[in-house]
Amino acid sequence: MRLLREPSVPLATKSVPALALLYVLSPLDLLPDVLPGIGELDDLAVVLVALRVFTWLCPGPAVRHHEAALTNRQPYGPMPPSSSVIDAEFRRG
């Protein structure tokens, strides 16, 4: 949930969990839900894969920042801006 609120995570990456939720809520399934137990496995697999892909697509520094914050039981706070600055001049010629 913290990475969904993180400003440095692209919107396209944030759409991965939303698409997984849409799949779970949709009536169309790879395995029908009428099969007890087995029908829900495809929903679970889609959610687990979507979460794995989401964290894989998120910027590494953001993931590490929020993992460390969770480990230290810190409240949510966005990742601090990076210290790299590009200084350039713009000339119209």
PDB file of N, CA and C in Angstrom:
ATOM      1  N   MET A   1       0.816  -1.186   0.000  1.00  0.00           N
ATOM      2  CA  MET A   1       0.000   0.000   0.000  1.00  0.00           C
ATOM      3  C   MET A   1       0.868   1.262   0.000  1.00  0.00           C
ATOM      4  N   ARG A   2       2.017   1.185   0.657  1.00  0.00           N
ATOM      5  CA  ARG A   2       2.902   2.338   0.716  1.00  0.00           C
ATOM      6  C   ARG A   2       3.434   2.695  -0.669  1.00  0.00           C
ATOM      7  N   LEU A   3       3.762   1.694  -1.474  1.00  0.00           N
ATOM      8  CA  LEU A   3       4.301   1.967  -2.804  1.00  0.00           C
ATOM      9  C   LEU A   3       3.246   2.546  -3.734  1.00  0.00           C
ATOM     10  N   LEU A   4       1.974   2.267  -3.486  1.00  0.00           N
ATOM     11  CA  LEU A   4       0.918   2.864  -4.296  1.00  0.00           C
ATOM     12  C   LEU A   4       0.811   4.363  -4.036  1.00  0.00           C
ATOM     13  N   ARG A   5       1.189   4.798  -2.847  1.00  0.00           N
ATOM     14  CA  ARG A   5       1.141   6.220  -2.494  1.00  0.00           C
ATOM     15  C   ARG A   5       2.433   6.946  -2.833  1.00  0.00           C
ATOM     16  N   GLU A   6       3.477   6.215  -3.159  1.00  0.00           N
ATOM     17  CA  GLU A   6       4.796   6.804  -3.424  1.00  0.00           C
ATOM     18  C   GLU A   6       4.784   7.584  -4.741  1.00  0.00           C
ATOM     19  N   PRO A   7       5.158   8.881  -4.702  1.00  0.00           N
ATOM     20  CA  PRO A   7       5.160   9.689  -5.927  1.00  0.00           C
ATOM     21  C   PRO A   7       6.169   9.231  -6.985  1.00  0.00           C
ATOM     22  N   SER A   8       7.240   8.559  -6.592  1.00  0.00           N
ATOM     23  CA  SER A   8       8.261   8.167  -7.576  1.00  0.00           C
ATOM     24  C   SER A   8       7.890   6.907  -8.350  1.00  0.00           C
ATOM     25  N   VAL A   9       6.808   6.237  -7.976  1.00  0.00           N
ATOM     26  CA  VAL A   9       6.359   5.046  -8.699  1.00  0.00           C
ATOM     27  C   VAL A   9       5.467   5.499  -9.857  1.00  0.00           C
ATOM     28  N   PRO A  10       5.789   5.105 -11.091  1.00  0.00           N
ATOM     29  CA  PRO A  10       5.000   5.538 -12.250  1.00  0.00           C
ATOM     30  C   PRO A  10       3.550   5.050 -12.172  1.00  0.00           C
ATOM     31  N   LEU A  11       2.663   5.817 -12.792  1.00  0.00           N
ATOM     32  CA  LEU A  11       1.239   5.481 -12.794  1.00  0.00           C
ATOM     33  C   LEU A  11       0.983   4.134 -13.491  1.00  0.00           C
ATOM     34  N   ALA A  12       1.725   3.847 -14.547  1.00  0.00           N
ATOM     35  CA  ALA A  12       1.551   2.568 -15.243  1.00  0.00           C
ATOM     36  C   ALA A  12       1.862   1.394 -14.312  1.00  0.00           C
ATOM     37  N   THR A  13       2.866   1.558 -13.470  1.00  0.00           N
ATOM     38  CA  THR A  13       3.208   0.509 -12.506  1.00  0.00           C
ATOM     39  C   THR A  13       2.119   0.370 -11.461  1.00  0.00           C
ATOM     40  N   LYS A  14       1.550   1.485 -11.044  1.00  0.00           N
ATOM     41  CA  LYS A  14       0.479   1.456 -10.049  1.00  0.00           C
ATOM     42  C   LYS A  14      -0.794   0.804 -10.585  1.00  0.00           C
ATOM     43  N   SER A  15      -0.915   0.698 -11.888  1.00  0.00           N
ATOM     44  CA  SER A  15      -2.113   0.088 -12.473  1.00  0.00           C
ATOM     45  C   SER A  15      -2.084  -1.442 -12.396  1.00  0.00           C
ATOM     46  N   VAL A  16      -0.931  -2.042 -12.154  1.00  0.00           N
ATOM     47  CA  VAL A  16      -0.835  -3.506 -12.122  1.00  0.00           C
ATOM     48  C   VAL A  16      -1.720  -4.106 -11.028  1.00  0.00           C
ATOM     49  N   PRO A  17      -1.669  -3.640  -9.766  1.00  0.00           N
ATOM     50  CA  PRO A  17      -2.576  -4.209  -8.765  1.00  0.00           C
ATOM     51  C   PRO A  17      -4.047  -3.934  -9.080  1.00  0.00           C
ATOM     52  N   ALA A  18      -4.343  -2.784  -9.680  1.00  0.00           N
ATOM     53  CA  ALA A  18      -5.728  -2.466 -10.036  1.00  0.00           C
ATOM     54  C   ALA A  18      -6.246  -3.430 -11.096  1.00  0.00           C
ATOM     55  N   LEU A  19      -5.403  -3.765 -12.057  1.00  0.00           N
ATOM     56  CA  LEU A  19      -5.815  -4.722 -13.089  1.00  0.00           C
ATOM     57  C   LEU A  19      -6.032  -6.112 -12.500  1.00  0.00           C
ATOM     58  N   ALA A  20      -5.208  -6.492 -11.534  1.00  0.00           N
ATOM     59  CA  ALA A  20      -5.406  -7.782 -10.871  1.00  0.00           C
ATOM     60  C   ALA A  20      -6.722  -7.795 -10.101  1.00  0.00           C
ATOM     61  N   LEU A  21      -7.041  -6.693  -9.461  1.00  0.00           N
ATOM     62  CA  LEU A  21      -8.314  -6.596  -8.741  1.00  0.00           C
ATOM     63  C   LEU A  21      -9.496  -6.679  -9.703  1.00  0.00           C
ATOM     64  N   LEU A  22      -9.371  -6.037 -10.857  1.00  0.00           N
ATOM     65  CA  LEU A  22     -10.431  -6.132 -11.863  1.00  0.00           C
ATOM     66  C   LEU A  22     -10.628  -7.573 -12.322  1.00  0.00           C
ATOM     67  N   TYR A  23      -9.526  -8.303 -12.495  1.00  0.00           N
ATOM     68  CA  TYR A  23      -9.634  -9.707 -12.895  1.00  0.00           C
ATOM     69  C   TYR A  23     -10.355 -10.522 -11.825  1.00  0.00           C
ATOM     70  N   VAL A  24     -10.007 -10.296 -10.569  1.00  0.00           N
ATOM     71  CA  VAL A  24     -10.630 -11.055  -9.482  1.00  0.00           C
ATOM     72  C   VAL A  24     -12.124 -10.754  -9.409  1.00  0.00           C
ATOM     73  N   LEU A  25     -12.494  -9.501  -9.641  1.00  0.00           N
ATOM     74  CA  LEU A  25     -13.901  -9.115  -9.550  1.00  0.00           C
ATOM     75  C   LEU A  25     -14.707  -9.455 -10.803  1.00  0.00           C
ATOM     76  N   SER A  26     -14.040  -9.683 -11.923  1.00  0.00           N
ATOM     77  CA  SER A  26     -14.756  -9.950 -13.177  1.00  0.00           C
ATOM     78  C   SER A  26     -15.345 -11.361 -13.172  1.00  0.00           C
ATOM     79  N   PRO A  27     -16.433 -11.529 -13.888  1.00  0.00           N
ATOM     80  CA  PRO A  27     -17.041 -12.863 -13.952  1.00  0.00           C
ATOM     81  C   PRO A  27     -16.267 -13.838 -14.852  1.00  0.00           C
ATOM     82  N   LEU A  28     -15.336 -13.339 -15.647  1.00  0.00           N
ATOM     83  CA  LEU A  28     -14.557 -14.197 -16.533  1.00  0.00           C
ATOM     84  C   LEU A  28     -13.332 -14.713 -15.783  1.00  0.00           C
ATOM     85  N   ASP A  29     -13.117 -16.019 -15.819  1.00  0.00           N
ATOM     86  CA  ASP A  29     -11.990 -16.649 -15.129  1.00  0.00           C
ATOM     87  C   ASP A  29     -11.337 -17.686 -16.029  1.00  0.00           C
ATOM     88  N   LEU A  30     -10.055 -17.955 -15.772  1.00  0.00           N
ATOM     89  CA  LEU A  30      -9.379 -19.043 -16.477  1.00  0.00           C
ATOM     90  C   LEU A  30      -9.936 -20.391 -16.017  1.00  0.00           C
ATOM     91  N   LEU A  31     -10.136 -20.517 -14.718  1.00  0.00           N
ATOM     92  CA  LEU A  31     -10.764 -21.705 -14.134  1.00  0.00           C
ATOM     93  C   LEU A  31     -12.078 -21.266 -13.504  1.00  0.00           C
ATOM     94  N   PRO A  32     -13.194 -21.896 -13.838  1.00  0.00           N
ATOM     95  CA  PRO A  32     -14.477 -21.451 -13.286  1.00  0.00           C
ATOM     96  C   PRO A  32     -14.518 -21.592 -11.766  1.00  0.00           C
ATOM     97  N   ASP A  33     -15.190 -20.625 -11.122  1.00  0.00           N
ATOM     98  CA  ASP A  33     -15.272 -20.623  -9.664  1.00  0.00           C
ATOM     99  C   ASP A  33     -16.253 -21.656  -9.128  1.00  0.00           C
ATOM    100  N   VAL A  34     -16.978 -22.339 -10.000  1.00  0.00           N
ATOM    101  CA  VAL A  34     -17.922 -23.356  -9.520  1.00  0.00           C
ATOM    102  C   VAL A  34     -17.189 -24.605  -9.041  1.00  0.00           C
ATOM    103  N   LEU A  35     -15.938 -24.779  -9.460  1.00  0.00           N
ATOM    104  CA  LEU A  35     -15.137 -25.889  -8.959  1.00  0.00           C
ATOM    105  C   LEU A  35     -14.634 -25.517  -7.573  1.00  0.00           C
ATOM    106  N   PRO A  36     -15.086 -26.193  -6.525  1.00  0.00           N
ATOM    107  CA  PRO A  36     -14.717 -25.769  -5.176  1.00  0.00           C
ATOM    108  C   PRO A  36     -13.206 -25.860  -4.934  1.00  0.00           C
ATOM    109  N   GLY A  37     -12.645 -24.762  -4.468  1.00  0.00           N
ATOM    110  CA  GLY A  37     -11.210 -24.727  -4.153  1.00  0.00           C
ATOM    111  C   GLY A  37     -10.350 -24.432  -5.356  1.00  0.00           C
ATOM    112  N   ILE A  38     -10.522 -25.174  -6.415  1.00  0.00           N
ATOM    113  CA  ILE A  38      -9.676 -25.007  -7.607  1.00  0.00           C
ATOM    114  C   ILE A  38     -10.021 -23.719  -8.343  1.00  0.00           C
ATOM    115  N   GLY A  39     -11.294 -23.359  -8.343  1.00  0.00           N
ATOM    116  CA  GLY A  39     -11.725 -22.154  -9.048  1.00  0.00           C
ATOM    117  C   GLY A  39     -11.125 -20.884  -8.479  1.00  0.00           C
ATOM    118  N   GLU A  40     -10.841 -20.874  -7.190  1.00  0.00           N
ATOM    119  CA  GLU A  40     -10.269 -19.683  -6.576  1.00  0.00           C
ATOM    120  C   GLU A  40      -8.752 -19.625  -6.727  1.00  0.00           C
ATOM    121  N   LEU A  41      -8.129 -20.724  -7.102  1.00  0.00           N
ATOM    122  CA  LEU A  41      -6.672 -20.750  -7.225  1.00  0.00           C
ATOM    123  C   LEU A  41      -6.158 -19.824  -8.324  1.00  0.00           C
ATOM    124  N   ASP A  42      -6.902 -19.711  -9.423  1.00  0.00           N
ATOM    125  CA  ASP A  42      -6.435 -18.808 -10.475  1.00  0.00           C
ATOM    126  C   ASP A  42      -6.519 -17.359 -10.017  1.00  0.00           C
ATOM    127  N   ASP A  43      -7.538 -17.022  -9.231  1.00  0.00           N
ATOM    128  CA  ASP A  43      -7.616 -15.668  -8.687  1.00  0.00           C
ATOM    129  C   ASP A  43      -6.436 -15.393  -7.759  1.00  0.00           C
ATOM    130  N   LEU A  44      -6.127 -16.337  -6.900  1.00  0.00           N
ATOM    131  CA  LEU A  44      -4.998 -16.188  -5.989  1.00  0.00           C
ATOM    132  C   LEU A  44      -3.685 -16.076  -6.760  1.00  0.00           C
ATOM    133  N   ALA A  45      -3.527 -16.886  -7.793  1.00  0.00           N
ATOM    134  CA  ALA A  45      -2.303 -16.849  -8.600  1.00  0.00           C
ATOM    135  C   ALA A  45      -2.151 -15.500  -9.291  1.00  0.00           C
ATOM    136  N   VAL A  46      -3.240 -14.956  -9.822  1.00  0.00           N
ATOM    137  CA  VAL A  46      -3.176 -13.658 -10.503  1.00  0.00           C
ATOM    138  C   VAL A  46      -2.783 -12.570  -9.512  1.00  0.00           C
ATOM    139  N   VAL A  47      -3.350 -12.593  -8.315  1.00  0.00           N
ATOM    140  CA  VAL A  47      -3.016 -11.582  -7.305  1.00  0.00           C
ATOM    141  C   VAL A  47      -1.554 -11.693  -6.892  1.00  0.00           C
ATOM    142  N   LEU A  48      -1.070 -12.910  -6.645  1.00  0.00           N
ATOM    143  CA  LEU A  48       0.327 -13.091  -6.229  1.00  0.00           C
ATOM    144  C   LEU A  48       1.305 -12.664  -7.327  1.00  0.00           C
ATOM    145  N   VAL A  49       1.016 -13.034  -8.559  1.00  0.00           N
ATOM    146  CA  VAL A  49       1.884 -12.646  -9.680  1.00  0.00           C
ATOM    147  C   VAL A  49       1.846 -11.131  -9.875  1.00  0.00           C
ATOM    148  N   ALA A  50       0.661 -10.533  -9.755  1.00  0.00           N
ATOM    149  CA  ALA A  50       0.548  -9.081  -9.922  1.00  0.00           C
ATOM    150  C   ALA A  50       1.345  -8.345  -8.853  1.00  0.00           C
ATOM    151  N   LEU A  51       1.306  -8.826  -7.614  1.00  0.00           N
ATOM    152  CA  LEU A  51       2.082  -8.186  -6.558  1.00  0.00           C
ATOM    153  C   LEU A  51       3.579  -8.329  -6.796  1.00  0.00           C
ATOM    154  N   ARG A  52       3.989  -9.491  -7.277  1.00  0.00           N
ATOM    155  CA  ARG A  52       5.412  -9.705  -7.580  1.00  0.00           C
ATOM    156  C   ARG A  52       5.858  -8.792  -8.719  1.00  0.00           C
ATOM    157  N   VAL A  53       5.046  -8.702  -9.780  1.00  0.00           N
ATOM    158  CA  VAL A  53       5.380  -7.845 -10.920  1.00  0.00           C
ATOM    159  C   VAL A  53       5.387  -6.377 -10.497  1.00  0.00           C
ATOM    160  N   PHE A  54       4.431  -5.994  -9.658  1.00  0.00           N
ATOM    161  CA  PHE A  54       4.362  -4.611  -9.172  1.00  0.00           C
ATOM    162  C   PHE A  54       5.633  -4.227  -8.435  1.00  0.00           C
ATOM    163  N   THR A  55       6.075  -5.055  -7.495  1.00  0.00           N
ATOM    164  CA  THR A  55       7.295  -4.720  -6.753  1.00  0.00           C
ATOM    165  C   THR A  55       8.537  -4.780  -7.645  1.00  0.00           C
ATOM    166  N   TRP A  56       8.510  -5.638  -8.666  1.00  0.00           N
ATOM    167  CA  TRP A  56       9.634  -5.735  -9.599  1.00  0.00           C
ATOM    168  C   TRP A  56       9.730  -4.474 -10.461  1.00  0.00           C
ATOM    169  N   LEU A  57       8.558  -3.912 -10.837  1.00  0.00           N
ATOM    170  CA  LEU A  57       8.536  -2.720 -11.685  1.00  0.00           C
ATOM    171  C   LEU A  57       8.780  -1.423 -10.914  1.00  0.00           C
ATOM    172  N   CYS A  58       8.548  -1.450  -9.614  1.00  0.00           N
ATOM    173  CA  CYS A  58       8.771  -0.249  -8.795  1.00  0.00           C
ATOM    174  C   CYS A  58      10.255   0.081  -8.750  1.00  0.00           C
ATOM    175  N   PRO A  59      10.589   1.364  -8.662  1.00  0.00           N
ATOM    176  CA  PRO A  59      12.007   1.737  -8.546  1.00  0.00           C
ATOM    177  C   PRO A  59      12.638   1.103  -7.303  1.00  0.00           C
ATOM    178  N   GLY A  60      13.807   0.532  -7.468  1.00  0.00           N
ATOM    179  CA  GLY A  60      14.500  -0.157  -6.377  1.00  0.00           C
ATOM    180  C   GLY A  60      14.698   0.690  -5.134  1.00  0.00           C
ATOM    181  N   PRO A  61      15.149   1.952  -5.286  1.00  0.00           N
ATOM    182  CA  PRO A  61      15.321   2.762  -4.082  1.00  0.00           C
ATOM    183  C   PRO A  61      14.017   2.974  -3.306  1.00  0.00           C
ATOM    184  N   ALA A  62      12.908   3.095  -4.009  1.00  0.00           N
ATOM    185  CA  ALA A  62      11.612   3.277  -3.334  1.00  0.00           C
ATOM    186  C   ALA A  62      11.240   2.020  -2.562  1.00  0.00           C
ATOM    187  N   VAL A  63      11.458   0.862  -3.177  1.00  0.00           N
ATOM    188  CA  VAL A  63      11.136  -0.407  -2.497  1.00  0.00           C
ATOM    189  C   VAL A  63      11.998  -0.552  -1.247  1.00  0.00           C
ATOM    190  N   ARG A  64      13.297  -0.300  -1.368  1.00  0.00           N
ATOM    191  CA  ARG A  64      14.193  -0.431  -0.216  1.00  0.00           C
ATOM    192  C   ARG A  64      13.853   0.579   0.883  1.00  0.00           C
ATOM    193  N   HIS A  65      13.497   1.801   0.489  1.00  0.00           N
ATOM    194  CA  HIS A  65      13.133   2.823   1.473  1.00  0.00           C
ATOM    195  C   HIS A  65      11.917   2.371   2.290  1.00  0.00           C
ATOM    196  N   HIS A  66      10.893   1.872   1.614  1.00  0.00           N
ATOM    197  CA  HIS A  66       9.664   1.496   2.319  1.00  0.00           C
ATOM    198  C   HIS A  66       9.818   0.170   3.075  1.00  0.00           C
ATOM    199  N   GLU A  67      10.645  -0.721   2.567  1.00  0.00           N
ATOM    200  CA  GLU A  67      10.921  -1.944   3.331  1.00  0.00           C
ATOM    201  C   GLU A  67      11.633  -1.598   4.643  1.00  0.00           C
ATOM    202  N   ALA A  68      12.599  -0.687   4.572  1.00  0.00           N
ATOM    203  CA  ALA A  68      13.313  -0.273   5.785  1.00  0.00           C
ATOM    204  C   ALA A  68      12.378   0.460   6.743  1.00  0.00           C
ATOM    205  N   ALA A  69      11.489   1.275   6.207  1.00  0.00           N
ATOM    206  CA  ALA A  69      10.541   2.004   7.060  1.00  0.00           C
ATOM    207  C   ALA A  69       9.587   1.033   7.746  1.00  0.00           C
ATOM    208  N   LEU A  70       9.152  -0.010   7.031  1.00  0.00           N
ATOM    209  CA  LEU A  70       8.278  -1.012   7.642  1.00  0.00           C
ATOM    210  C   LEU A  70       9.023  -1.801   8.715  1.00  0.00           C
ATOM    211  N   THR A  71      10.267  -2.126   8.434  1.00  0.00           N
ATOM    212  CA  THR A  71      11.071  -2.859   9.414  1.00  0.00           C
ATOM    213  C   THR A  71      11.239  -2.053  10.698  1.00  0.00           C
ATOM    214  N   ASN A  72      11.426  -0.737  10.551  1.00  0.00           N
ATOM    215  CA  ASN A  72      11.618   0.145  11.704  1.00  0.00           C
ATOM    216  C   ASN A  72      10.300   0.673  12.269  1.00  0.00           C
ATOM    217  N   ARG A  73       9.184   0.213  11.719  1.00  0.00           N
ATOM    218  CA  ARG A  73       7.835   0.620  12.159  1.00  0.00           C
ATOM    219  C   ARG A  73       7.635   2.127  12.101  1.00  0.00           C
ATOM    220  N   GLN A  74       8.112   2.711  11.034  1.00  0.00           N
ATOM    221  CA  GLN A  74       7.946   4.144  10.845  1.00  0.00           C
ATOM    222  C   GLN A  74       6.631   4.411  10.118  1.00  0.00           C
ATOM    223  N   PRO A  75       5.994   5.545  10.391  1.00  0.00           N
ATOM    224  CA  PRO A  75       4.778   5.877   9.648  1.00  0.00           C
ATOM    225  C   PRO A  75       5.122   6.199   8.199  1.00  0.00           C
ATOM    226  N   TYR A  76       4.083   6.198   7.349  1.00  0.00           N
ATOM    227  CA  TYR A  76       4.307   6.467   5.934  1.00  0.00           C
ATOM    228  C   TYR A  76       4.881   7.870   5.746  1.00  0.00           C
ATOM    229  N   GLY A  77       5.828   7.934   4.870  1.00  0.00           N
ATOM    230  CA  GLY A  77       6.395   9.192   4.412  1.00  0.00           C
ATOM    231  C   GLY A  77       6.990   8.936   3.049  1.00  0.00           C
ATOM    232  N   PRO A  78       6.790   9.820   2.084  1.00  0.00           N
ATOM    233  CA  PRO A  78       7.362   9.575   0.759  1.00  0.00           C
ATOM    234  C   PRO A  78       8.878   9.539   0.824  1.00  0.00           C
ATOM    235  N   MET A  79       9.437   8.875  -0.134  1.00  0.00           N
ATOM    236  CA  MET A  79      10.889   8.768  -0.219  1.00  0.00           C
ATOM    237  C   MET A  79      11.473  10.165  -0.429  1.00  0.00           C
ATOM    238  N   PRO A  80      12.556  10.501   0.269  1.00  0.00           N
ATOM    239  CA  PRO A  80      13.153  11.827   0.068  1.00  0.00           C
ATOM    240  C   PRO A  80      13.691  11.958  -1.353  1.00  0.00           C
ATOM    241  N   PRO A  81      13.684  13.176  -1.885  1.00  0.00           N
ATOM    242  CA  PRO A  81      14.184  13.350  -3.260  1.00  0.00           C
ATOM    243  C   PRO A  81      15.653  12.974  -3.354  1.00  0.00           C
ATOM    244  N   SER A  82      16.034  12.530  -4.545  1.00  0.00           N
ATOM    245  CA  SER A  82      17.429  12.123  -4.734  1.00  0.00           C
ATOM    246  C   SER A  82      18.335  13.348  -4.708  1.00  0.00           C
ATOM    247  N   SER A  83      19.585  13.114  -4.403  1.00  0.00           N
ATOM    248  CA  SER A  83      20.531  14.223  -4.289  1.00  0.00           C
ATOM    249  C   SER A  83      21.169  14.589  -5.621  1.00  0.00           C
ATOM    250  N   SER A  84      20.861  13.826  -6.676  1.00  0.00           N
ATOM    251  CA  SER A  84      21.476  14.141  -7.963  1.00  0.00           C
ATOM    252  C   SER A  84      20.698  15.274  -8.636  1.00  0.00           C
ATOM    253  N   VAL A  85      21.437  16.286  -9.048  1.00  0.00           N
ATOM    254  CA  VAL A  85      20.841  17.447  -9.694  1.00  0.00           C
ATOM    255  C   VAL A  85      21.547  17.643 -11.030  1.00  0.00           C
ATOM    256  N   ILE A  86      20.761  17.903 -12.045  1.00  0.00           N
ATOM    257  CA  ILE A  86      21.338  18.195 -13.360  1.00  0.00           C
ATOM    258  C   ILE A  86      21.282  19.705 -13.542  1.00  0.00           C
ATOM    259  N   ASP A  87      22.438  20.316 -13.617  1.00  0.00           N
ATOM    260  CA  ASP A  87      22.525  21.759 -13.784  1.00  0.00           C
ATOM    261  C   ASP A  87      22.859  22.025 -15.228  1.00  0.00           C
ATOM    262  N   ALA A  88      22.014  22.774 -15.913  1.00  0.00           N
ATOM    263  CA  ALA A  88      22.239  23.025 -17.334  1.00  0.00           C
ATOM    264  C   ALA A  88      21.726  24.422 -17.677  1.00  0.00           C
ATOM    265  N   GLU A  89      22.214  24.919 -18.794  1.00  0.00           N
ATOM    266  CA  GLU A  89      21.750  26.212 -19.310  1.00  0.00           C
ATOM    267  C   GLU A  89      20.974  25.936 -20.580  1.00  0.00           C
ATOM    268  N   PHE A  90      19.941  26.736 -20.767  1.00  0.00           N
ATOM    269  CA  PHE A  90      19.136  26.610 -21.971  1.00  0.00           C
ATOM    270  C   PHE A  90      19.355  27.860 -22.808  1.00  0.00           C
ATOM    271  N   ARG A  91      19.747  27.649 -24.049  1.00  0.00           N
ATOM    272  CA  ARG A  91      19.958  28.793 -24.949  1.00  0.00           C
ATOM    273  C   ARG A  91      19.063  28.623 -26.158  1.00  0.00           C
ATOM    274  N   ARG A  92      18.427  29.692 -26.494  1.00  0.00           N
ATOM    275  CA  ARG A  92      17.628  29.684 -27.704  1.00  0.00           C
ATOM    276  C   ARG A  92      18.484  30.325 -28.798  1.00  0.00           C
ATOM    277  N   GLY A  93      18.619  29.623 -29.903  1.00  0.00           N
ATOM    278  CA  GLY A  93      19.597  30.112 -30.801  1.00  0.00           C
ATOM    279  C   GLY A  93      19.235  30.555 -32.101  1.00  0.00           C
TER     280      GLY A  93
END
